[in-house]
Amino acid sequence: MGPVAVELCCLFDVVSRAPLRFVYAKVCTSEHKLIKKLIEHIKKNDLLLLDSGFYHCDTFVKITLRHAHFIIPAMTTYRPRVLSKLSEGDYLCEIKDSSTKTNLTVRVVFVNRDGFRRRRLVTSLLDHICFPATDLARLYRMRWDIETFYRDFKQTLRGTSWHCRTPMRFHQEILVHMIAICMIRLAMVEAGHQKNACVAQLSFTRALTETRLFVKLLVAATDPALWPSIWEAFVQCCARHRVNSKPGRQFPRDRQEYRRKNRGFEKKRRSARKPKSKAATPLRPQPETRKDLKGQLFLLS
């Protein structure tokens, strides 16, 4: 009937960079319906790093009922009620779910983003001594690894072109893709232990090339006793390929803005007139809290 298009939601391990669980549905399916199936596989004391699109009080309640924790950016339009102030830029707040009418106590932390922007993080880790704001910001930055996972899945593994014609065949094909990613990541983790490096410093693209050779050697080996030696050679090959890291790179999220900057359309034109001198006005700090008519304290963006 046409090209395959689904909405994919994946439970991702940020340490090994391997997918743990995945669900998919029609493109028009909401992400809040997909994540309910993934929460069932969360274990006790797990920490779930969520994107801002999954902000929903019902989702938070289901995570806490499984004795797990979460970190998610807060929406700028949402203003929770402040229960107490833990430290500077760190508050204990209460959020409500209008549909189920349930209250949940969370912690809202203001952290610096990109050195000049402030961001609010909502978390169920209420102890501000064991989990300071700097550690929460460092933990949430690790969520970006799933974006590189989607890039590797779509581009390197060519997850945008499929050979199936039925839903069952599509499920089998995407399952093979996920199994291949898990096998590559396990080899990269083992290679990182040998070279005293993390998985992020090894190249996934080069490891995929070595995987094709590894599968050919494994199929051609008639004696199963040779399989461990083939695996060891595969791990050593994965350890050889490093990633040329470029720290500090920043890209605009808007594609049109990214194109305008590349084409030089945002450069100001030279004018013959001299610019008028303006006195520098100091920026006034915006208040973070405000009281309403009833005297309740609310957080501002």
C-alpha atoms as a PDB file:
ATOM      1  CA  MET A   1       0.000   0.000   0.000  1.00  0.00           C
ATOM      2  CA  GLY A   2       2.984   2.345   0.401  1.00  0.00           C
ATOM      3  CA  PRO A   3       6.137   2.992   2.447  1.00  0.00           C
ATOM      4  CA  VAL A   4       6.400   1.647   5.982  1.00  0.00           C
ATOM      5  CA  ALA A   5       5.967   4.363   8.650  1.00  0.00           C
ATOM      6  CA  VAL A   6       5.573   3.708  12.375  1.00  0.00           C
ATOM      7  CA  GLU A   7       5.985   5.558  15.658  1.00  0.00           C
ATOM      8  CA  LEU A   8       8.902   3.934  17.525  1.00  0.00           C
ATOM      9  CA  CYS A   9       9.569   4.251  21.245  1.00  0.00           C
ATOM     10  CA  CYS A  10      12.617   2.578  22.774  1.00  0.00           C
ATOM     11  CA  LEU A  11      13.884   1.874  26.282  1.00  0.00           C
ATOM     12  CA  PHE A  12      17.604   2.567  26.054  1.00  0.00           C
ATOM     13  CA  ASP A  13      20.552   1.808  28.344  1.00  0.00           C
ATOM     14  CA  VAL A  14      22.844   4.857  28.448  1.00  0.00           C
ATOM     15  CA  VAL A  15      25.833   2.906  29.819  1.00  0.00           C
ATOM     16  CA  SER A  16      26.098   0.217  27.143  1.00  0.00           C
ATOM     17  CA  ARG A  17      24.092   2.188  24.524  1.00  0.00           C
ATOM     18  CA  ALA A  18      22.009  -0.892  23.797  1.00  0.00           C
ATOM     19  CA  PRO A  19      18.204  -1.044  23.337  1.00  0.00           C
ATOM     20  CA  LEU A  20      16.413  -2.954  26.084  1.00  0.00           C
ATOM     21  CA  ARG A  21      12.785  -2.854  24.906  1.00  0.00           C
ATOM     22  CA  PHE A  22      10.967  -1.263  22.013  1.00  0.00           C
ATOM     23  CA  VAL A  23       7.354  -0.741  20.998  1.00  0.00           C
ATOM     24  CA  TYR A  24       5.843   0.680  17.839  1.00  0.00           C
ATOM     25  CA  ALA A  25       2.418   1.570  16.488  1.00  0.00           C
ATOM     26  CA  LYS A  26       0.808   3.695  13.806  1.00  0.00           C
ATOM     27  CA  VAL A  27       2.301   7.097  13.122  1.00  0.00           C
ATOM     28  CA  CYS A  28      -0.732   8.861  14.582  1.00  0.00           C
ATOM     29  CA  THR A  29      -0.277   7.066  17.945  1.00  0.00           C
ATOM     30  CA  SER A  30       0.541   9.279  20.928  1.00  0.00           C
ATOM     31  CA  GLU A  31       3.857   8.786  22.719  1.00  0.00           C
ATOM     32  CA  HIS A  32       2.031   8.651  26.060  1.00  0.00           C
ATOM     33  CA  LYS A  33       0.324   5.420  24.981  1.00  0.00           C
ATOM     34  CA  LEU A  34       3.587   3.830  23.868  1.00  0.00           C
ATOM     35  CA  ILE A  35       5.529   4.609  27.020  1.00  0.00           C
ATOM     36  CA  LYS A  36       2.957   2.811  29.171  1.00  0.00           C
ATOM     37  CA  LYS A  37       4.117  -0.480  27.645  1.00  0.00           C
ATOM     38  CA  LEU A  38       7.764   0.330  28.369  1.00  0.00           C
ATOM     39  CA  ILE A  39       7.153   1.262  32.013  1.00  0.00           C
ATOM     40  CA  GLU A  40       6.129  -2.350  32.657  1.00  0.00           C
ATOM     41  CA  HIS A  41       9.756  -3.408  32.039  1.00  0.00           C
ATOM     42  CA  ILE A  42      11.334  -0.871  34.408  1.00  0.00           C
ATOM     43  CA  LYS A  43      12.929  -2.467  37.457  1.00  0.00           C
ATOM     44  CA  LYS A  44      13.357  -1.268  41.018  1.00  0.00           C
ATOM     45  CA  ASN A  45      15.768   1.669  41.552  1.00  0.00           C
ATOM     46  CA  ASP A  46      16.050   2.317  37.803  1.00  0.00           C
ATOM     47  CA  LEU A  47      16.501   5.936  36.705  1.00  0.00           C
ATOM     48  CA  LEU A  48      14.495   6.871  33.619  1.00  0.00           C
ATOM     49  CA  LEU A  49      15.667   9.903  31.608  1.00  0.00           C
ATOM     50  CA  LEU A  50      12.654  11.222  29.715  1.00  0.00           C
ATOM     51  CA  ASP A  51      12.242  13.709  26.903  1.00  0.00           C
ATOM     52  CA  SER A  52      10.072  16.754  27.563  1.00  0.00           C
ATOM     53  CA  GLY A  53       7.366  15.334  25.279  1.00  0.00           C
ATOM     54  CA  PHE A  54       6.584  12.617  27.865  1.00  0.00           C
ATOM     55  CA  TYR A  55       5.665  15.140  30.579  1.00  0.00           C
ATOM     56  CA  HIS A  56       2.521  13.726  32.196  1.00  0.00           C
ATOM     57  CA  CYS A  57       1.681  13.261  35.865  1.00  0.00           C
ATOM     58  CA  ASP A  58       0.059   9.865  35.239  1.00  0.00           C
ATOM     59  CA  THR A  59       3.341   8.626  33.716  1.00  0.00           C
ATOM     60  CA  PHE A  60       5.278   9.821  36.767  1.00  0.00           C
ATOM     61  CA  VAL A  61       2.910   8.024  39.134  1.00  0.00           C
ATOM     62  CA  LYS A  62       3.315   4.733  37.257  1.00  0.00           C
ATOM     63  CA  ILE A  63       7.099   5.053  37.396  1.00  0.00           C
ATOM     64  CA  THR A  64       7.109   5.692  41.138  1.00  0.00           C
ATOM     65  CA  LEU A  65       4.728   2.779  41.745  1.00  0.00           C
ATOM     66  CA  ARG A  66       7.428   0.502  40.321  1.00  0.00           C
ATOM     67  CA  HIS A  67       9.881   2.007  42.874  1.00  0.00           C
ATOM     68  CA  ALA A  68      11.871   3.664  40.087  1.00  0.00           C
ATOM     69  CA  HIS A  69      12.917   7.280  39.534  1.00  0.00           C
ATOM     70  CA  PHE A  70      12.801   9.750  36.650  1.00  0.00           C
ATOM     71  CA  ILE A  71      14.323  13.022  35.408  1.00  0.00           C
ATOM     72  CA  ILE A  72      12.509  15.163  32.837  1.00  0.00           C
ATOM     73  CA  PRO A  73      12.663  18.836  31.773  1.00  0.00           C
ATOM     74  CA  ALA A  74       9.752  20.928  32.981  1.00  0.00           C
ATOM     75  CA  MET A  75       7.538  22.868  30.631  1.00  0.00           C
ATOM     76  CA  THR A  76       7.859  26.633  30.892  1.00  0.00           C
ATOM     77  CA  THR A  77       4.069  27.054  30.979  1.00  0.00           C
ATOM     78  CA  TYR A  78       3.577  24.700  33.917  1.00  0.00           C
ATOM     79  CA  ARG A  79       3.803  26.175  37.408  1.00  0.00           C
ATOM     80  CA  PRO A  80       3.805  23.673  40.276  1.00  0.00           C
ATOM     81  CA  ARG A  81       2.990  24.666  43.829  1.00  0.00           C
ATOM     82  CA  VAL A  82       6.070  25.100  46.025  1.00  0.00           C
ATOM     83  CA  LEU A  83       6.109  23.123  49.274  1.00  0.00           C
ATOM     84  CA  SER A  84       9.541  24.139  50.533  1.00  0.00           C
ATOM     85  CA  LYS A  85      12.840  25.570  49.360  1.00  0.00           C
ATOM     86  CA  LEU A  86      15.766  23.171  49.682  1.00  0.00           C
ATOM     87  CA  SER A  87      18.539  25.458  48.442  1.00  0.00           C
ATOM     88  CA  GLU A  88      19.139  28.195  45.882  1.00  0.00           C
ATOM     89  CA  GLY A  89      17.299  27.181  42.700  1.00  0.00           C
ATOM     90  CA  ASP A  90      16.138  23.901  44.282  1.00  0.00           C
ATOM     91  CA  TYR A  91      12.523  23.445  45.373  1.00  0.00           C
ATOM     92  CA  LEU A  92      10.230  20.723  46.651  1.00  0.00           C
ATOM     93  CA  CYS A  93       6.950  21.037  44.740  1.00  0.00           C
ATOM     94  CA  GLU A  94       3.602  19.345  44.272  1.00  0.00           C
ATOM     95  CA  ILE A  95       2.083  18.536  40.887  1.00  0.00           C
ATOM     96  CA  LYS A  96      -1.472  17.407  40.205  1.00  0.00           C
ATOM     97  CA  ASP A  97      -3.083  15.254  37.552  1.00  0.00           C
ATOM     98  CA  SER A  98      -6.393  16.774  36.501  1.00  0.00           C
ATOM     99  CA  SER A  99      -7.774  13.510  35.089  1.00  0.00           C
ATOM    100  CA  THR A 100      -7.035  11.169  38.011  1.00  0.00           C
ATOM    101  CA  LYS A 101      -6.872  13.943  40.659  1.00  0.00           C
ATOM    102  CA  THR A 102      -3.706  12.526  42.192  1.00  0.00           C
ATOM    103  CA  ASN A 103      -0.973  14.593  43.845  1.00  0.00           C
ATOM    104  CA  LEU A 104       2.715  13.815  43.508  1.00  0.00           C
ATOM    105  CA  THR A 105       5.637  15.361  45.369  1.00  0.00           C
ATOM    106  CA  VAL A 106       8.576  16.107  43.075  1.00  0.00           C
ATOM    107  CA  ARG A 107      11.738  18.134  43.121  1.00  0.00           C
ATOM    108  CA  VAL A 108      12.267  21.029  40.691  1.00  0.00           C
ATOM    109  CA  VAL A 109      15.869  22.071  40.064  1.00  0.00           C
ATOM    110  CA  PHE A 110      17.154  25.037  38.077  1.00  0.00           C
ATOM    111  CA  VAL A 111      20.335  24.111  36.184  1.00  0.00           C
ATOM    112  CA  ASN A 112      22.481  26.046  33.737  1.00  0.00           C
ATOM    113  CA  ARG A 113      22.272  24.962  30.126  1.00  0.00           C
ATOM    114  CA  ASP A 114      24.927  25.873  27.533  1.00  0.00           C
ATOM    115  CA  GLY A 115      26.490  28.224  30.036  1.00  0.00           C
ATOM    116  CA  PHE A 116      23.859  30.984  29.706  1.00  0.00           C
ATOM    117  CA  ARG A 117      20.366  29.430  29.646  1.00  0.00           C
ATOM    118  CA  ARG A 118      18.563  28.108  32.677  1.00  0.00           C
ATOM    119  CA  ARG A 119      16.526  24.938  32.563  1.00  0.00           C
ATOM    120  CA  ARG A 120      14.136  23.331  35.004  1.00  0.00           C
ATOM    121  CA  LEU A 121      14.432  19.620  35.722  1.00  0.00           C
ATOM    122  CA  VAL A 122      11.671  17.692  37.475  1.00  0.00           C
ATOM    123  CA  THR A 123      12.796  14.558  39.303  1.00  0.00           C
ATOM    124  CA  SER A 124      11.622  12.073  41.896  1.00  0.00           C
ATOM    125  CA  LEU A 125      15.068  12.101  43.586  1.00  0.00           C
ATOM    126  CA  LEU A 126      14.033  14.262  46.525  1.00  0.00           C
ATOM    127  CA  ASP A 127      17.278  14.098  48.534  1.00  0.00           C
ATOM    128  CA  HIS A 128      19.201  17.241  47.558  1.00  0.00           C
ATOM    129  CA  ILE A 129      22.265  16.190  49.564  1.00  0.00           C
ATOM    130  CA  CYS A 130      22.792  12.788  47.942  1.00  0.00           C
ATOM    131  CA  PHE A 131      21.749  14.090  44.516  1.00  0.00           C
ATOM    132  CA  PRO A 132      22.900  17.707  44.033  1.00  0.00           C
ATOM    133  CA  ALA A 133      21.816  19.784  41.062  1.00  0.00           C
ATOM    134  CA  THR A 134      25.142  19.369  39.235  1.00  0.00           C
ATOM    135  CA  ASP A 135      24.819  15.574  39.320  1.00  0.00           C
ATOM    136  CA  LEU A 136      21.251  15.738  38.022  1.00  0.00           C
ATOM    137  CA  ALA A 137      22.341  17.942  35.126  1.00  0.00           C
ATOM    138  CA  ARG A 138      25.221  15.584  34.309  1.00  0.00           C
ATOM    139  CA  LEU A 139      22.906  12.572  34.401  1.00  0.00           C
ATOM    140  CA  TYR A 140      20.315  14.152  32.148  1.00  0.00           C
ATOM    141  CA  ARG A 141      22.940  15.067  29.530  1.00  0.00           C
ATOM    142  CA  MET A 142      23.454  11.321  29.060  1.00  0.00           C
ATOM    143  CA  ARG A 143      19.942  11.128  27.558  1.00  0.00           C
ATOM    144  CA  TRP A 144      21.335  12.567  24.326  1.00  0.00           C
ATOM    145  CA  ASP A 145      22.875   9.149  23.575  1.00  0.00           C
ATOM    146  CA  ILE A 146      19.473   7.836  22.479  1.00  0.00           C
ATOM    147  CA  GLU A 147      19.390  10.509  19.758  1.00  0.00           C
ATOM    148  CA  THR A 148      22.654   9.128  18.366  1.00  0.00           C
ATOM    149  CA  PHE A 149      21.124   5.640  18.672  1.00  0.00           C
ATOM    150  CA  TYR A 150      18.205   6.693  16.446  1.00  0.00           C
ATOM    151  CA  ARG A 151      20.679   8.227  13.993  1.00  0.00           C
ATOM    152  CA  ASP A 152      22.707   4.999  13.832  1.00  0.00           C
ATOM    153  CA  PHE A 153      19.507   2.983  13.492  1.00  0.00           C
ATOM    154  CA  LYS A 154      18.128   5.069  10.620  1.00  0.00           C
ATOM    155  CA  GLN A 155      21.298   5.930   8.703  1.00  0.00           C
ATOM    156  CA  THR A 156      24.003   3.361   9.475  1.00  0.00           C
ATOM    157  CA  LEU A 157      21.657   0.365   9.692  1.00  0.00           C
ATOM    158  CA  ARG A 158      19.339   1.863   7.047  1.00  0.00           C
ATOM    159  CA  GLY A 159      16.297   1.608   9.265  1.00  0.00           C
ATOM    160  CA  THR A 160      14.283   3.748   6.843  1.00  0.00           C
ATOM    161  CA  SER A 161      14.099   1.148   4.038  1.00  0.00           C
ATOM    162  CA  TRP A 162      12.380  -2.188   4.595  1.00  0.00           C
ATOM    163  CA  HIS A 163      11.898  -5.322   2.499  1.00  0.00           C
ATOM    164  CA  CYS A 164       8.727  -6.565   4.228  1.00  0.00           C
ATOM    165  CA  ARG A 165       5.174  -6.610   2.908  1.00  0.00           C
ATOM    166  CA  THR A 166       3.238  -7.742   6.001  1.00  0.00           C
ATOM    167  CA  PRO A 167       3.172  -6.530   9.628  1.00  0.00           C
ATOM    168  CA  MET A 168       4.574  -9.841  10.864  1.00  0.00           C
ATOM    169  CA  ARG A 169       7.555  -9.597   8.510  1.00  0.00           C
ATOM    170  CA  PHE A 170       8.136  -6.019   9.600  1.00  0.00           C
ATOM    171  CA  HIS A 171       8.241  -7.106  13.244  1.00  0.00           C
ATOM    172  CA  GLN A 172      10.771  -9.813  12.424  1.00  0.00           C
ATOM    173  CA  GLU A 173      12.921  -7.427  10.415  1.00  0.00           C
ATOM    174  CA  ILE A 174      13.041  -4.709  13.065  1.00  0.00           C
ATOM    175  CA  LEU A 175      13.742  -7.374  15.697  1.00  0.00           C
ATOM    176  CA  VAL A 176      16.801  -8.531  13.726  1.00  0.00           C
ATOM    177  CA  HIS A 177      18.005  -4.928  13.603  1.00  0.00           C
ATOM    178  CA  MET A 178      17.717  -4.597  17.393  1.00  0.00           C
ATOM    179  CA  ILE A 179      19.486  -7.946  17.977  1.00  0.00           C
ATOM    180  CA  ALA A 180      22.330  -6.805  15.729  1.00  0.00           C
ATOM    181  CA  ILE A 181      22.656  -3.537  17.670  1.00  0.00           C
ATOM    182  CA  CYS A 182      22.759  -5.423  20.997  1.00  0.00           C
ATOM    183  CA  MET A 183      25.463  -7.784  19.714  1.00  0.00           C
ATOM    184  CA  ILE A 184      27.574  -4.878  18.434  1.00  0.00           C
ATOM    185  CA  ARG A 185      27.202  -2.944  21.685  1.00  0.00           C
ATOM    186  CA  LEU A 186      28.144  -5.981  23.792  1.00  0.00           C
ATOM    187  CA  ALA A 187      31.298  -6.368  21.722  1.00  0.00           C
ATOM    188  CA  MET A 188      32.042  -2.639  22.065  1.00  0.00           C
ATOM    189  CA  VAL A 189      31.575  -2.781  25.851  1.00  0.00           C
ATOM    190  CA  GLU A 190      34.007  -5.687  26.076  1.00  0.00           C
ATOM    191  CA  ALA A 191      36.422  -3.862  23.775  1.00  0.00           C
ATOM    192  CA  GLY A 192      36.155  -0.757  25.928  1.00  0.00           C
ATOM    193  CA  HIS A 193      37.127  -2.753  29.015  1.00  0.00           C
ATOM    194  CA  GLN A 194      40.214  -4.047  27.226  1.00  0.00           C
ATOM    195  CA  LYS A 195      41.315  -0.584  26.070  1.00  0.00           C
ATOM    196  CA  ASN A 196      40.143   1.246  29.226  1.00  0.00           C
ATOM    197  CA  ALA A 197      37.685   3.350  27.193  1.00  0.00           C
ATOM    198  CA  CYS A 198      33.934   3.929  27.236  1.00  0.00           C
ATOM    199  CA  VAL A 199      31.537   2.870  24.494  1.00  0.00           C
ATOM    200  CA  ALA A 200      31.110   6.466  23.320  1.00  0.00           C
ATOM    201  CA  GLN A 201      34.771   6.581  22.252  1.00  0.00           C
ATOM    202  CA  LEU A 202      34.376   3.630  19.838  1.00  0.00           C
ATOM    203  CA  SER A 203      32.937   3.862  16.328  1.00  0.00           C
ATOM    204  CA  PHE A 204      29.607   2.118  15.734  1.00  0.00           C
ATOM    205  CA  THR A 205      29.941   2.390  11.938  1.00  0.00           C
ATOM    206  CA  ARG A 206      33.306   0.627  11.899  1.00  0.00           C
ATOM    207  CA  ALA A 207      32.004  -1.987  14.320  1.00  0.00           C
ATOM    208  CA  LEU A 208      29.116  -2.704  11.938  1.00  0.00           C
ATOM    209  CA  THR A 209      31.614  -3.355   9.133  1.00  0.00           C
ATOM    210  CA  GLU A 210      33.529  -5.748  11.393  1.00  0.00           C
ATOM    211  CA  THR A 211      30.222  -7.450  12.285  1.00  0.00           C
ATOM    212  CA  ARG A 212      29.579  -8.421   8.664  1.00  0.00           C
ATOM    213  CA  LEU A 213      33.010 -10.098   8.524  1.00  0.00           C
ATOM    214  CA  PHE A 214      32.390 -11.713  11.931  1.00  0.00           C
ATOM    215  CA  VAL A 215      29.111 -13.273  10.779  1.00  0.00           C
ATOM    216  CA  LYS A 216      30.726 -14.653   7.631  1.00  0.00           C
ATOM    217  CA  LEU A 217      33.551 -16.261   9.621  1.00  0.00           C
ATOM    218  CA  LEU A 218      31.075 -17.632  12.162  1.00  0.00           C
ATOM    219  CA  VAL A 219      28.919 -19.261   9.507  1.00  0.00           C
ATOM    220  CA  ALA A 220      31.927 -20.668   7.668  1.00  0.00           C
ATOM    221  CA  ALA A 221      33.416 -22.198  10.840  1.00  0.00           C
ATOM    222  CA  THR A 222      32.523 -25.903  10.902  1.00  0.00           C
ATOM    223  CA  ASP A 223      33.995 -26.552  14.337  1.00  0.00           C
ATOM    224  CA  PRO A 224      32.102 -24.827  17.232  1.00  0.00           C
ATOM    225  CA  ALA A 225      35.351 -24.776  19.221  1.00  0.00           C
ATOM    226  CA  LEU A 226      36.535 -21.940  16.945  1.00  0.00           C
ATOM    227  CA  TRP A 227      33.659 -19.627  17.912  1.00  0.00           C
ATOM    228  CA  PRO A 228      35.309 -18.119  21.046  1.00  0.00           C
ATOM    229  CA  SER A 229      38.463 -17.258  19.099  1.00  0.00           C
ATOM    230  CA  ILE A 230      36.390 -15.629  16.339  1.00  0.00           C
ATOM    231  CA  TRP A 231      34.548 -13.568  18.956  1.00  0.00           C
ATOM    232  CA  GLU A 232      37.825 -12.459  20.566  1.00  0.00           C
ATOM    233  CA  ALA A 233      39.146 -11.370  17.184  1.00  0.00           C
ATOM    234  CA  PHE A 234      35.889  -9.480  16.564  1.00  0.00           C
ATOM    235  CA  VAL A 235      36.184  -7.647  19.904  1.00  0.00           C
ATOM    236  CA  GLN A 236      39.798  -6.688  19.213  1.00  0.00           C
ATOM    237  CA  CYS A 237      38.802  -5.292  15.815  1.00  0.00           C
ATOM    238  CA  CYS A 238      36.075  -3.173  17.429  1.00  0.00           C
ATOM    239  CA  ALA A 239      38.600  -1.785  19.915  1.00  0.00           C
ATOM    240  CA  ARG A 240      40.802  -0.457  17.127  1.00  0.00           C
ATOM    241  CA  HIS A 241      38.321   2.050  15.740  1.00  0.00           C
ATOM    242  CA  ARG A 242      37.954   5.269  17.713  1.00  0.00           C
ATOM    243  CA  VAL A 243      35.622   8.221  17.190  1.00  0.00           C
ATOM    244  CA  ASN A 244      37.044  11.639  16.374  1.00  0.00           C
ATOM    245  CA  SER A 245      35.291  13.501  19.183  1.00  0.00           C
ATOM    246  CA  LYS A 246      34.669  17.220  18.787  1.00  0.00           C
ATOM    247  CA  PRO A 247      33.561  18.589  22.181  1.00  0.00           C
ATOM    248  CA  GLY A 248      31.642  21.825  22.407  1.00  0.00           C
ATOM    249  CA  ARG A 249      29.807  21.462  19.084  1.00  0.00           C
ATOM    250  CA  GLN A 250      26.323  22.946  19.056  1.00  0.00           C
ATOM    251  CA  PHE A 251      23.730  22.751  16.297  1.00  0.00           C
ATOM    252  CA  PRO A 252      20.409  24.612  16.094  1.00  0.00           C
ATOM    253  CA  ARG A 253      17.372  22.371  16.480  1.00  0.00           C
ATOM    254  CA  ASP A 254      15.442  24.240  13.758  1.00  0.00           C
ATOM    255  CA  ARG A 255      16.448  22.918  10.318  1.00  0.00           C
ATOM    256  CA  GLN A 256      15.511  26.165   8.567  1.00  0.00           C
ATOM    257  CA  GLU A 257      17.673  28.134  10.983  1.00  0.00           C
ATOM    258  CA  TYR A 258      20.519  25.673  10.390  1.00  0.00           C
ATOM    259  CA  ARG A 259      20.216  26.159   6.612  1.00  0.00           C
ATOM    260  CA  ARG A 260      20.097  29.950   6.894  1.00  0.00           C
ATOM    261  CA  LYS A 261      23.285  29.979   8.939  1.00  0.00           C
ATOM    262  CA  ASN A 262      25.075  27.659   6.511  1.00  0.00           C
ATOM    263  CA  ARG A 263      24.084  29.768   3.493  1.00  0.00           C
ATOM    264  CA  GLY A 264      25.019  33.011   5.215  1.00  0.00           C
ATOM    265  CA  PHE A 265      21.564  34.568   5.035  1.00  0.00           C
ATOM    266  CA  GLU A 266      21.695  35.755   8.632  1.00  0.00           C
ATOM    267  CA  LYS A 267      24.731  37.996   8.101  1.00  0.00           C
ATOM    268  CA  LYS A 268      23.921  41.673   8.558  1.00  0.00           C
ATOM    269  CA  ARG A 269      24.334  43.938   5.559  1.00  0.00           C
ATOM    270  CA  ARG A 270      26.878  46.709   5.716  1.00  0.00           C
ATOM    271  CA  SER A 271      25.400  50.156   6.133  1.00  0.00           C
ATOM    272  CA  ALA A 272      26.968  53.494   5.213  1.00  0.00           C
ATOM    273  CA  ARG A 273      25.571  55.135   8.327  1.00  0.00           C
ATOM    274  CA  LYS A 274      27.409  54.885  11.552  1.00  0.00           C
ATOM    275  CA  PRO A 275      25.581  52.946  14.252  1.00  0.00           C
ATOM    276  CA  LYS A 276      24.164  55.018  17.059  1.00  0.00           C
ATOM    277  CA  SER A 277      25.807  54.536  20.397  1.00  0.00           C
ATOM    278  CA  LYS A 278      23.499  53.074  23.005  1.00  0.00           C
ATOM    279  CA  ALA A 279      24.083  52.933  26.695  1.00  0.00           C
ATOM    280  CA  ALA A 280      24.335  49.414  27.989  1.00  0.00           C
ATOM    281  CA  THR A 281      21.391  48.704  30.269  1.00  0.00           C
ATOM    282  CA  PRO A 282      22.019  46.086  32.929  1.00  0.00           C
ATOM    283  CA  LEU A 283      19.741  43.057  32.755  1.00  0.00           C
ATOM    284  CA  ARG A 284      17.462  42.765  35.734  1.00  0.00           C
ATOM    285  CA  PRO A 285      17.204  39.275  37.205  1.00  0.00           C
ATOM    286  CA  GLN A 286      13.767  37.785  36.732  1.00  0.00           C
ATOM    287  CA  PRO A 287      12.026  36.441  39.833  1.00  0.00           C
ATOM    288  CA  GLU A 288      11.761  32.672  40.051  1.00  0.00           C
ATOM    289  CA  THR A 289       8.746  32.599  42.369  1.00  0.00           C
ATOM    290  CA  ARG A 290       5.534  34.562  42.701  1.00  0.00           C
ATOM    291  CA  LYS A 291       2.593  34.542  45.100  1.00  0.00           C
ATOM    292  CA  ASP A 292      -1.005  34.562  43.983  1.00  0.00           C
ATOM    293  CA  LEU A 293      -3.968  36.208  45.708  1.00  0.00           C
ATOM    294  CA  LYS A 294      -4.350  33.247  48.087  1.00  0.00           C
ATOM    295  CA  GLY A 295      -0.728  33.496  49.189  1.00  0.00           C
ATOM    296  CA  GLN A 296       0.410  30.270  47.483  1.00  0.00           C
ATOM    297  CA  LEU A 297       3.886  30.256  45.987  1.00  0.00           C
ATOM    298  CA  PHE A 298       4.389  29.210  42.348  1.00  0.00           C
ATOM    299  CA  LEU A 299       7.477  28.724  40.186  1.00  0.00           C
ATOM    300  CA  LEU A 300       8.020  30.854  37.118  1.00  0.00           C
ATOM    301  CA  SER A 301       9.928  29.991  33.966  1.00  0.00           C
END
